[in-house]
Amino acid sequence: MLFKQEHKQMILDGRKTATRRAWKKPMVKVGGIYKCKLQMLSKKYFAKIQVTKLYKQCLGDMTKKDANKEGYELLRHFYKIWVEINKEWIPLQEVYVIEFELIKSSSTENKW
């Protein structure tokens, strides 16, 4: 899964345990293990995560707790990064919410 540089440390610290994606259909499955990358075609990854929940939600239905799972203290902070990445905030837009946990590994192979 692709993440922004600013999300890397949030994930590694366990502060970011969810991500929202504007997909037409789910690209992950519950129980699946995915590599977290900063560049699309790179083989390098900075972490592995396991998806624990997958569901749809309208952006406008997000709560402070949802923003916290995204790694942000306040909803307006998440709103700002969402607009930077996706160009607009549409409250009725349904997105996929992927909740995950970091998989601890002693291996550093292919990592940054």
C-alpha atoms as a PDB file:
ATOM      1  CA  MET A   1       0.000   0.000   0.000  1.00  0.00           C
ATOM      2  CA  LEU A   2       1.213   3.443  -0.849  1.00  0.00           C
ATOM      3  CA  PHE A   3       1.546   6.081   1.870  1.00  0.00           C
ATOM      4  CA  LYS A   4       2.836   9.649   2.077  1.00  0.00           C
ATOM      5  CA  GLN A   5       6.204  10.299   3.739  1.00  0.00           C
ATOM      6  CA  GLU A   6       4.497  12.026   6.673  1.00  0.00           C
ATOM      7  CA  HIS A   7       2.546   8.838   7.446  1.00  0.00           C
ATOM      8  CA  LYS A   8       5.628   6.618   7.691  1.00  0.00           C
ATOM      9  CA  GLN A   9       6.559   7.469  11.283  1.00  0.00           C
ATOM     10  CA  MET A  10       2.890   7.527  12.329  1.00  0.00           C
ATOM     11  CA  ILE A  11       2.556   3.927  11.173  1.00  0.00           C
ATOM     12  CA  LEU A  12       5.848   2.823  12.717  1.00  0.00           C
ATOM     13  CA  ASP A  13       4.880   4.462  16.037  1.00  0.00           C
ATOM     14  CA  GLY A  14       1.441   2.807  15.987  1.00  0.00           C
ATOM     15  CA  ARG A  15      -0.374   6.181  15.882  1.00  0.00           C
ATOM     16  CA  LYS A  16      -1.834   5.538  12.416  1.00  0.00           C
ATOM     17  CA  THR A  17      -3.951   2.385  12.399  1.00  0.00           C
ATOM     18  CA  ALA A  18      -6.387   3.276   9.618  1.00  0.00           C
ATOM     19  CA  THR A  19      -6.374   4.716   6.129  1.00  0.00           C
ATOM     20  CA  ARG A  20      -9.162   5.863   3.849  1.00  0.00           C
ATOM     21  CA  ARG A  21      -9.084   5.237   0.120  1.00  0.00           C
ATOM     22  CA  ALA A  22     -11.341   6.510  -2.675  1.00  0.00           C
ATOM     23  CA  TRP A  23     -11.421   3.165  -4.472  1.00  0.00           C
ATOM     24  CA  LYS A  24     -14.212   1.925  -6.731  1.00  0.00           C
ATOM     25  CA  LYS A  25     -13.778  -1.564  -5.247  1.00  0.00           C
ATOM     26  CA  PRO A  26     -11.690  -2.899  -2.358  1.00  0.00           C
ATOM     27  CA  MET A  27      -8.028  -3.481  -3.191  1.00  0.00           C
ATOM     28  CA  VAL A  28      -7.256  -5.291   0.089  1.00  0.00           C
ATOM     29  CA  LYS A  29      -8.938  -7.965   2.171  1.00  0.00           C
ATOM     30  CA  VAL A  30      -9.353  -8.523   5.895  1.00  0.00           C
ATOM     31  CA  GLY A  31      -6.502 -10.684   7.158  1.00  0.00           C
ATOM     32  CA  GLY A  32      -4.287  -9.743   4.219  1.00  0.00           C
ATOM     33  CA  ILE A  33      -0.697  -8.656   4.839  1.00  0.00           C
ATOM     34  CA  TYR A  34       0.582  -5.703   2.828  1.00  0.00           C
ATOM     35  CA  LYS A  35       3.863  -3.867   2.432  1.00  0.00           C
ATOM     36  CA  CYS A  36       3.813  -0.131   3.156  1.00  0.00           C
ATOM     37  CA  LYS A  37       5.675   1.823   0.486  1.00  0.00           C
ATOM     38  CA  LEU A  38       6.453   5.445  -0.272  1.00  0.00           C
ATOM     39  CA  GLN A  39       6.978   4.926  -4.022  1.00  0.00           C
ATOM     40  CA  MET A  40       4.644   3.055  -6.351  1.00  0.00           C
ATOM     41  CA  LEU A  41       7.003   0.736  -8.218  1.00  0.00           C
ATOM     42  CA  SER A  42       9.712   0.422  -5.580  1.00  0.00           C
ATOM     43  CA  LYS A  43      10.500  -2.942  -4.032  1.00  0.00           C
ATOM     44  CA  LYS A  44      11.504  -1.148  -0.826  1.00  0.00           C
ATOM     45  CA  TYR A  45       8.998  -0.933   1.991  1.00  0.00           C
ATOM     46  CA  PHE A  46       9.116   0.533   5.466  1.00  0.00           C
ATOM     47  CA  ALA A  47       6.629  -1.750   7.242  1.00  0.00           C
ATOM     48  CA  LYS A  48       4.202  -4.597   6.892  1.00  0.00           C
ATOM     49  CA  ILE A  49       0.612  -4.286   8.048  1.00  0.00           C
ATOM     50  CA  GLN A  50      -2.254  -6.717   8.445  1.00  0.00           C
ATOM     51  CA  VAL A  51      -5.770  -5.535   7.621  1.00  0.00           C
ATOM     52  CA  THR A  52      -8.123  -6.039  10.582  1.00  0.00           C
ATOM     53  CA  LYS A  53     -11.273  -4.281   9.283  1.00  0.00           C
ATOM     54  CA  LEU A  54     -12.577  -3.086   5.937  1.00  0.00           C
ATOM     55  CA  TYR A  55     -15.753  -1.052   5.548  1.00  0.00           C
ATOM     56  CA  LYS A  56     -17.281   1.932   3.722  1.00  0.00           C
ATOM     57  CA  GLN A  57     -17.930   5.316   5.258  1.00  0.00           C
ATOM     58  CA  CYS A  58     -18.952   8.753   4.012  1.00  0.00           C
ATOM     59  CA  LEU A  59     -16.231  11.321   4.630  1.00  0.00           C
ATOM     60  CA  GLY A  60     -18.744  13.592   6.330  1.00  0.00           C
ATOM     61  CA  ASP A  61     -19.501  10.869   8.903  1.00  0.00           C
ATOM     62  CA  MET A  62     -15.954  10.835  10.252  1.00  0.00           C
ATOM     63  CA  THR A  63     -15.469  11.504  13.959  1.00  0.00           C
ATOM     64  CA  LYS A  64     -12.544  12.713  16.064  1.00  0.00           C
ATOM     65  CA  LYS A  65     -11.910   9.047  16.947  1.00  0.00           C
ATOM     66  CA  ASP A  66     -11.669   8.228  13.217  1.00  0.00           C
ATOM     67  CA  ALA A  67      -9.159  11.066  12.758  1.00  0.00           C
ATOM     68  CA  ASN A  68      -7.153   9.692  15.698  1.00  0.00           C
ATOM     69  CA  LYS A  69      -6.965   6.270  14.005  1.00  0.00           C
ATOM     70  CA  GLU A  70      -5.672   8.090  10.921  1.00  0.00           C
ATOM     71  CA  GLY A  71      -2.880   9.457  13.106  1.00  0.00           C
ATOM     72  CA  TYR A  72      -4.253  12.988  13.550  1.00  0.00           C
ATOM     73  CA  GLU A  73      -5.255  14.692  16.772  1.00  0.00           C
ATOM     74  CA  LEU A  74      -8.103  16.642  15.201  1.00  0.00           C
ATOM     75  CA  LEU A  75     -10.490  16.012  12.321  1.00  0.00           C
ATOM     76  CA  ARG A  76      -9.484  19.285  10.658  1.00  0.00           C
ATOM     77  CA  HIS A  77      -5.877  18.045  10.455  1.00  0.00           C
ATOM     78  CA  PHE A  78      -7.036  14.916   8.610  1.00  0.00           C
ATOM     79  CA  TYR A  79      -9.283  17.064   6.398  1.00  0.00           C
ATOM     80  CA  LYS A  80      -6.268  19.168   5.375  1.00  0.00           C
ATOM     81  CA  ILE A  81      -4.129  16.175   4.325  1.00  0.00           C
ATOM     82  CA  TRP A  82      -7.106  14.538   2.553  1.00  0.00           C
ATOM     83  CA  VAL A  83      -7.556  17.652   0.397  1.00  0.00           C
ATOM     84  CA  GLU A  84      -3.799  17.802  -0.316  1.00  0.00           C
ATOM     85  CA  ILE A  85      -3.852  14.198  -1.536  1.00  0.00           C
ATOM     86  CA  ASN A  86      -7.300  13.979  -3.166  1.00  0.00           C
ATOM     87  CA  LYS A  87      -7.844  17.638  -4.220  1.00  0.00           C
ATOM     88  CA  GLU A  88     -11.284  17.959  -2.601  1.00  0.00           C
ATOM     89  CA  TRP A  89     -13.439  17.002   0.375  1.00  0.00           C
ATOM     90  CA  ILE A  90     -16.889  15.725  -0.557  1.00  0.00           C
ATOM     91  CA  PRO A  91     -18.826  14.939   2.654  1.00  0.00           C
ATOM     92  CA  LEU A  92     -21.142  12.442   0.904  1.00  0.00           C
ATOM     93  CA  GLN A  93     -18.274  10.622  -0.839  1.00  0.00           C
ATOM     94  CA  GLU A  94     -18.128   6.996   0.249  1.00  0.00           C
ATOM     95  CA  VAL A  95     -14.605   5.745   0.821  1.00  0.00           C
ATOM     96  CA  TYR A  96     -13.119   2.473   1.970  1.00  0.00           C
ATOM     97  CA  VAL A  97     -11.763   2.492   5.508  1.00  0.00           C
ATOM     98  CA  ILE A  98      -8.913   0.074   6.045  1.00  0.00           C
ATOM     99  CA  GLU A  99      -8.014  -0.543   9.675  1.00  0.00           C
ATOM    100  CA  PHE A 100      -4.732  -2.346  10.254  1.00  0.00           C
ATOM    101  CA  GLU A 101      -2.082  -3.346  12.719  1.00  0.00           C
ATOM    102  CA  LEU A 102       1.652  -3.129  12.302  1.00  0.00           C
ATOM    103  CA  ILE A 103       3.396  -6.466  11.975  1.00  0.00           C
ATOM    104  CA  LYS A 104       6.574  -6.466  14.032  1.00  0.00           C
ATOM    105  CA  SER A 105       9.517  -8.072  12.259  1.00  0.00           C
ATOM    106  CA  SER A 106      13.173  -8.513  13.135  1.00  0.00           C
ATOM    107  CA  SER A 107      14.040  -8.691   9.428  1.00  0.00           C
ATOM    108  CA  THR A 108      15.175  -5.523   7.663  1.00  0.00           C
ATOM    109  CA  GLU A 109      15.344  -7.093   4.206  1.00  0.00           C
ATOM    110  CA  ASN A 110      13.963  -4.725   1.543  1.00  0.00           C
ATOM    111  CA  LYS A 111      13.273  -2.066   4.155  1.00  0.00           C
ATOM    112  CA  TRP A 112      14.414   1.538   4.318  1.00  0.00           C
END
